[in-house]
C-alpha atoms as a PDB file:
ATOM      1  CA  MET A   1      38.318  24.855  46.487  1.00  0.00           C
ATOM      2  CA  LYS A   2      37.260  26.005  42.986  1.00  0.00           C
ATOM      3  CA  ARG A   3      39.060  22.994  41.572  1.00  0.00           C
ATOM      4  CA  ILE A   4      37.123  20.588  43.851  1.00  0.00           C
ATOM      5  CA  VAL A   5      33.804  22.214  42.909  1.00  0.00           C
ATOM      6  CA  PHE A   6      34.758  22.024  39.220  1.00  0.00           C
ATOM      7  CA  ILE A   7      35.658  18.302  39.516  1.00  0.00           C
ATOM      8  CA  LEU A   8      32.406  17.608  41.352  1.00  0.00           C
ATOM      9  CA  LEU A   9      30.413  19.413  38.659  1.00  0.00           C
ATOM     10  CA  ILE A  10      32.128  17.457  35.891  1.00  0.00           C
ATOM     11  CA  SER A  11      31.535  14.187  37.762  1.00  0.00           C
ATOM     12  CA  LEU A  12      27.885  15.041  38.334  1.00  0.00           C
ATOM     13  CA  SER A  13      27.466  15.994  34.681  1.00  0.00           C
ATOM     14  CA  ALA A  14      29.027  12.693  33.547  1.00  0.00           C
ATOM     15  CA  MET A  15      26.743  10.717  35.885  1.00  0.00           C
ATOM     16  CA  THR A  16      23.679  12.594  34.611  1.00  0.00           C
ATOM     17  CA  GLN A  17      24.656  12.001  30.979  1.00  0.00           C
ATOM     18  CA  SER A  18      25.247   8.310  31.706  1.00  0.00           C
ATOM     19  CA  ALA A  19      21.848   7.972  33.428  1.00  0.00           C
ATOM     20  CA  SER A  20      20.210   9.823  30.540  1.00  0.00           C
ATOM     21  CA  ALA A  21      21.855   7.516  27.999  1.00  0.00           C
ATOM     22  CA  GLN A  22      20.660   4.488  29.964  1.00  0.00           C
ATOM     23  CA  SER A  23      17.079   5.771  29.988  1.00  0.00           C
ATOM     24  CA  ILE A  24      16.940   5.782  26.172  1.00  0.00           C
ATOM     25  CA  LYS A  25      18.947   2.598  25.569  1.00  0.00           C
ATOM     26  CA  PRO A  26      16.450  -0.011  24.310  1.00  0.00           C
ATOM     27  CA  HIS A  27      16.089  -3.464  25.794  1.00  0.00           C
ATOM     28  CA  ILE A  28      13.919  -6.327  24.634  1.00  0.00           C
ATOM     29  CA  ASN A  29      10.410  -6.433  26.071  1.00  0.00           C
ATOM     30  CA  HIS A  30       8.623  -9.006  23.942  1.00  0.00           C
ATOM     31  CA  LEU A  31       8.468 -10.909  20.676  1.00  0.00           C
ATOM     32  CA  ALA A  32       5.154 -11.336  18.876  1.00  0.00           C
ATOM     33  CA  VAL A  33       3.973 -14.014  16.473  1.00  0.00           C
ATOM     34  CA  TYR A  34       0.819 -13.618  14.407  1.00  0.00           C
ATOM     35  CA  VAL A  35      -1.029 -16.930  14.112  1.00  0.00           C
ATOM     36  CA  VAL A  36      -4.025 -18.443  12.371  1.00  0.00           C
ATOM     37  CA  ASN A  37      -5.391 -20.516  15.252  1.00  0.00           C
ATOM     38  CA  LEU A  38      -4.653 -19.366  18.792  1.00  0.00           C
ATOM     39  CA  GLN A  39      -5.590 -22.640  20.487  1.00  0.00           C
ATOM     40  CA  ARG A  40      -3.319 -24.663  18.188  1.00  0.00           C
ATOM     41  CA  SER A  41      -0.446 -22.299  19.006  1.00  0.00           C
ATOM     42  CA  VAL A  42      -1.227 -22.338  22.741  1.00  0.00           C
ATOM     43  CA  ASP A  43      -1.164 -26.152  22.650  1.00  0.00           C
ATOM     44  CA  PHE A  44       2.212 -26.005  20.918  1.00  0.00           C
ATOM     45  CA  TYR A  45       3.944 -23.419  23.109  1.00  0.00           C
ATOM     46  CA  THR A  46       2.490 -24.820  26.317  1.00  0.00           C
ATOM     47  CA  GLY A  47       2.720 -28.506  25.451  1.00  0.00           C
ATOM     48  CA  VAL A  48       6.092 -28.605  23.715  1.00  0.00           C
ATOM     49  CA  PHE A  49       7.972 -25.802  25.447  1.00  0.00           C
ATOM     50  CA  ASN A  50       6.155 -25.837  28.791  1.00  0.00           C
ATOM     51  CA  LEU A  51       6.101 -22.022  28.781  1.00  0.00           C
ATOM     52  CA  ASP A  52       4.376 -20.213  31.623  1.00  0.00           C
ATOM     53  CA  THR A  53       1.494 -17.948  30.660  1.00  0.00           C
ATOM     54  CA  ILE A  54       1.317 -14.431  32.000  1.00  0.00           C
ATOM     55  CA  PRO A  55      -1.728 -12.143  32.206  1.00  0.00           C
ATOM     56  CA  GLU A  56      -2.659 -10.336  29.019  1.00  0.00           C
ATOM     57  CA  PRO A  57      -4.859  -7.245  29.191  1.00  0.00           C
ATOM     58  CA  PHE A  58      -7.182  -7.909  26.260  1.00  0.00           C
ATOM     59  CA  HIS A  59      -9.169 -10.951  27.445  1.00  0.00           C
ATOM     60  CA  ASP A  60     -10.518 -11.370  23.908  1.00  0.00           C
ATOM     61  CA  ASN A  61      -9.483 -14.987  23.226  1.00  0.00           C
ATOM     62  CA  LYS A  62      -7.107 -13.721  20.528  1.00  0.00           C
ATOM     63  CA  HIS A  63      -4.000 -13.247  22.687  1.00  0.00           C
ATOM     64  CA  ALA A  64      -1.798 -15.513  24.777  1.00  0.00           C
ATOM     65  CA  TRP A  65       1.266 -14.164  26.530  1.00  0.00           C
ATOM     66  CA  TYR A  66       4.187 -16.231  27.829  1.00  0.00           C
ATOM     67  CA  ARG A  67       7.164 -15.441  30.017  1.00  0.00           C
ATOM     68  CA  ILE A  68      10.281 -16.419  28.037  1.00  0.00           C
ATOM     69  CA  GLY A  69      12.936 -14.788  30.209  1.00  0.00           C
ATOM     70  CA  PRO A  70      13.412 -12.201  32.929  1.00  0.00           C
ATOM     71  CA  GLY A  71      11.269  -9.277  31.831  1.00  0.00           C
ATOM     72  CA  VAL A  72      10.755 -10.750  28.350  1.00  0.00           C
ATOM     73  CA  ALA A  73       7.512 -12.125  26.912  1.00  0.00           C
ATOM     74  CA  LEU A  74       6.257 -13.916  23.840  1.00  0.00           C
ATOM     75  CA  HIS A  75       2.929 -12.567  22.564  1.00  0.00           C
ATOM     76  CA  VAL A  76       0.915 -14.987  20.450  1.00  0.00           C
ATOM     77  CA  ILE A  77      -1.791 -13.115  18.543  1.00  0.00           C
ATOM     78  CA  GLU A  78      -4.558 -14.720  16.492  1.00  0.00           C
ATOM     79  CA  GLY A  79      -5.705 -13.147  13.248  1.00  0.00           C
ATOM     80  CA  ALA A  80      -3.363 -14.241  10.465  1.00  0.00           C
ATOM     81  CA  ALA A  81      -5.169 -15.428   7.335  1.00  0.00           C
ATOM     82  CA  GLN A  82      -2.754 -18.309   6.758  1.00  0.00           C
ATOM     83  CA  PRO A  83       0.656 -19.572   7.854  1.00  0.00           C
ATOM     84  CA  LYS A  84       3.626 -18.089   6.009  1.00  0.00           C
ATOM     85  CA  GLU A  85       6.959 -19.467   4.950  1.00  0.00           C
ATOM     86  CA  TYR A  86       9.945 -18.079   6.837  1.00  0.00           C
ATOM     87  CA  PHE A  87      13.678 -18.539   6.398  1.00  0.00           C
ATOM     88  CA  GLN A  88      15.278 -20.741   9.041  1.00  0.00           C
ATOM     89  CA  ASN A  89      17.753 -17.964   9.845  1.00  0.00           C
ATOM     90  CA  ASN A  90      14.789 -15.785  10.857  1.00  0.00           C
ATOM     91  CA  HIS A  91      14.086 -17.484  14.185  1.00  0.00           C
ATOM     92  CA  ILE A  92      13.789 -17.171  17.914  1.00  0.00           C
ATOM     93  CA  CYS A  93      15.956 -19.332  20.133  1.00  0.00           C
ATOM     94  CA  PHE A  94      15.432 -21.081  23.446  1.00  0.00           C
ATOM     95  CA  SER A  95      18.283 -22.675  25.375  1.00  0.00           C
ATOM     96  CA  VAL A  96      17.663 -25.891  27.281  1.00  0.00           C
ATOM     97  CA  GLY A  97      19.780 -27.856  29.712  1.00  0.00           C
ATOM     98  CA  SER A  98      19.958 -30.802  27.313  1.00  0.00           C
ATOM     99  CA  VAL A  99      19.100 -30.926  23.623  1.00  0.00           C
ATOM    100  CA  ASP A 100      18.992 -34.730  23.858  1.00  0.00           C
ATOM    101  CA  ALA A 101      16.366 -34.569  26.629  1.00  0.00           C
ATOM    102  CA  PHE A 102      14.363 -32.035  24.603  1.00  0.00           C
ATOM    103  CA  LEU A 103      14.461 -34.381  21.612  1.00  0.00           C
ATOM    104  CA  GLN A 104      12.617 -36.947  23.738  1.00  0.00           C
ATOM    105  CA  VAL A 105       9.733 -34.460  24.031  1.00  0.00           C
ATOM    106  CA  LEU A 106       9.727 -33.871  20.281  1.00  0.00           C
ATOM    107  CA  ARG A 107       9.795 -37.589  19.531  1.00  0.00           C
ATOM    108  CA  ALA A 108       6.943 -38.282  21.966  1.00  0.00           C
ATOM    109  CA  LYS A 109       4.840 -35.591  20.237  1.00  0.00           C
ATOM    110  CA  ASN A 110       5.923 -36.593  16.694  1.00  0.00           C
ATOM    111  CA  ILE A 111       7.361 -33.139  16.024  1.00  0.00           C
ATOM    112  CA  PRO A 112      10.064 -33.073  13.352  1.00  0.00           C
ATOM    113  CA  TRP A 113      13.245 -31.015  13.617  1.00  0.00           C
ATOM    114  CA  VAL A 114      16.160 -30.083  11.401  1.00  0.00           C
ATOM    115  CA  ASN A 115      19.773 -29.073  11.833  1.00  0.00           C
ATOM    116  CA  ALA A 116      21.425 -25.858  10.632  1.00  0.00           C
ATOM    117  CA  LYS A 117      21.574 -27.202   7.072  1.00  0.00           C
ATOM    118  CA  GLY A 118      17.886 -28.144   7.074  1.00  0.00           C
ATOM    119  CA  GLU A 119      18.628 -31.876   7.275  1.00  0.00           C
ATOM    120  CA  LYS A 120      15.691 -33.674   8.857  1.00  0.00           C
ATOM    121  CA  MET A 121      16.050 -35.250  12.287  1.00  0.00           C
ATOM    122  CA  GLN A 122      19.721 -34.242  12.568  1.00  0.00           C
ATOM    123  CA  ILE A 123      21.576 -32.220  15.226  1.00  0.00           C
ATOM    124  CA  THR A 124      24.116 -29.478  14.571  1.00  0.00           C
ATOM    125  CA  ASN A 125      27.242 -29.612  16.727  1.00  0.00           C
ATOM    126  CA  ARG A 126      28.755 -26.137  16.562  1.00  0.00           C
ATOM    127  CA  VAL A 127      32.516 -25.605  16.730  1.00  0.00           C
ATOM    128  CA  ASP A 128      32.084 -24.199  20.259  1.00  0.00           C
ATOM    129  CA  GLY A 129      30.453 -27.440  21.446  1.00  0.00           C
ATOM    130  CA  VAL A 130      26.862 -26.172  21.485  1.00  0.00           C
ATOM    131  CA  LYS A 131      24.230 -28.558  20.136  1.00  0.00           C
ATOM    132  CA  GLN A 132      21.338 -27.047  18.209  1.00  0.00           C
ATOM    133  CA  ILE A 133      18.195 -28.016  16.332  1.00  0.00           C
ATOM    134  CA  TRP A 134      15.300 -26.106  14.758  1.00  0.00           C
ATOM    135  CA  VAL A 135      11.580 -26.801  14.949  1.00  0.00           C
ATOM    136  CA  MET A 136       8.717 -25.035  13.253  1.00  0.00           C
ATOM    137  CA  ASP A 137       5.620 -23.879  15.108  1.00  0.00           C
ATOM    138  CA  PRO A 138       2.151 -24.462  13.572  1.00  0.00           C
ATOM    139  CA  ASP A 139       2.345 -21.166  11.653  1.00  0.00           C
ATOM    140  CA  GLY A 140       5.781 -21.683  10.168  1.00  0.00           C
ATOM    141  CA  TYR A 141       7.857 -19.686  12.675  1.00  0.00           C
ATOM    142  CA  TRP A 142      11.285 -21.240  13.203  1.00  0.00           C
ATOM    143  CA  ILE A 143      12.518 -21.880  16.734  1.00  0.00           C
ATOM    144  CA  GLU A 144      16.096 -22.859  17.487  1.00  0.00           C
ATOM    145  CA  ILE A 145      16.735 -25.033  20.516  1.00  0.00           C
ATOM    146  CA  ASN A 146      20.285 -25.177  21.816  1.00  0.00           C
ATOM    147  CA  ASP A 147      22.215 -26.035  24.944  1.00  0.00           C
ATOM    148  CA  ALA A 148      24.284 -22.841  25.137  1.00  0.00           C
ATOM    149  CA  LYS A 149      25.097 -21.934  28.729  1.00  0.00           C
ATOM    150  CA  ASP A 150      24.745 -18.146  28.315  1.00  0.00           C
END
């Protein structure tokens, strides 16, 4: 009987430690970009990416929030003095069902793109078969678009 109680206590302790570890394990909540002109960025993220807006608590015409995944948001915040230059490797990434179909949207809106090497209007075909391109938002933030399945 003591052995059963001991095993139960050890099991309960392990479960409690596991639950405690899970409660402090971080997960992504949102990404934020700091922009010069909110309306220009809203036009871009809504018009090019067709992102759905979500309520933002400030109601100050300086914030726009978008749902970009389950439980994940993109916060666009106005107030930057000027756009900045960023490295292409410092980017966010959206996956689409078809890069070729997405390119039709970019072409229709005259939005340029580059491949992984920075070559204009080219597509990268990764060794795993994933196609990818990069576009820049109005404030210089890089966004990768690929057709990865997960």
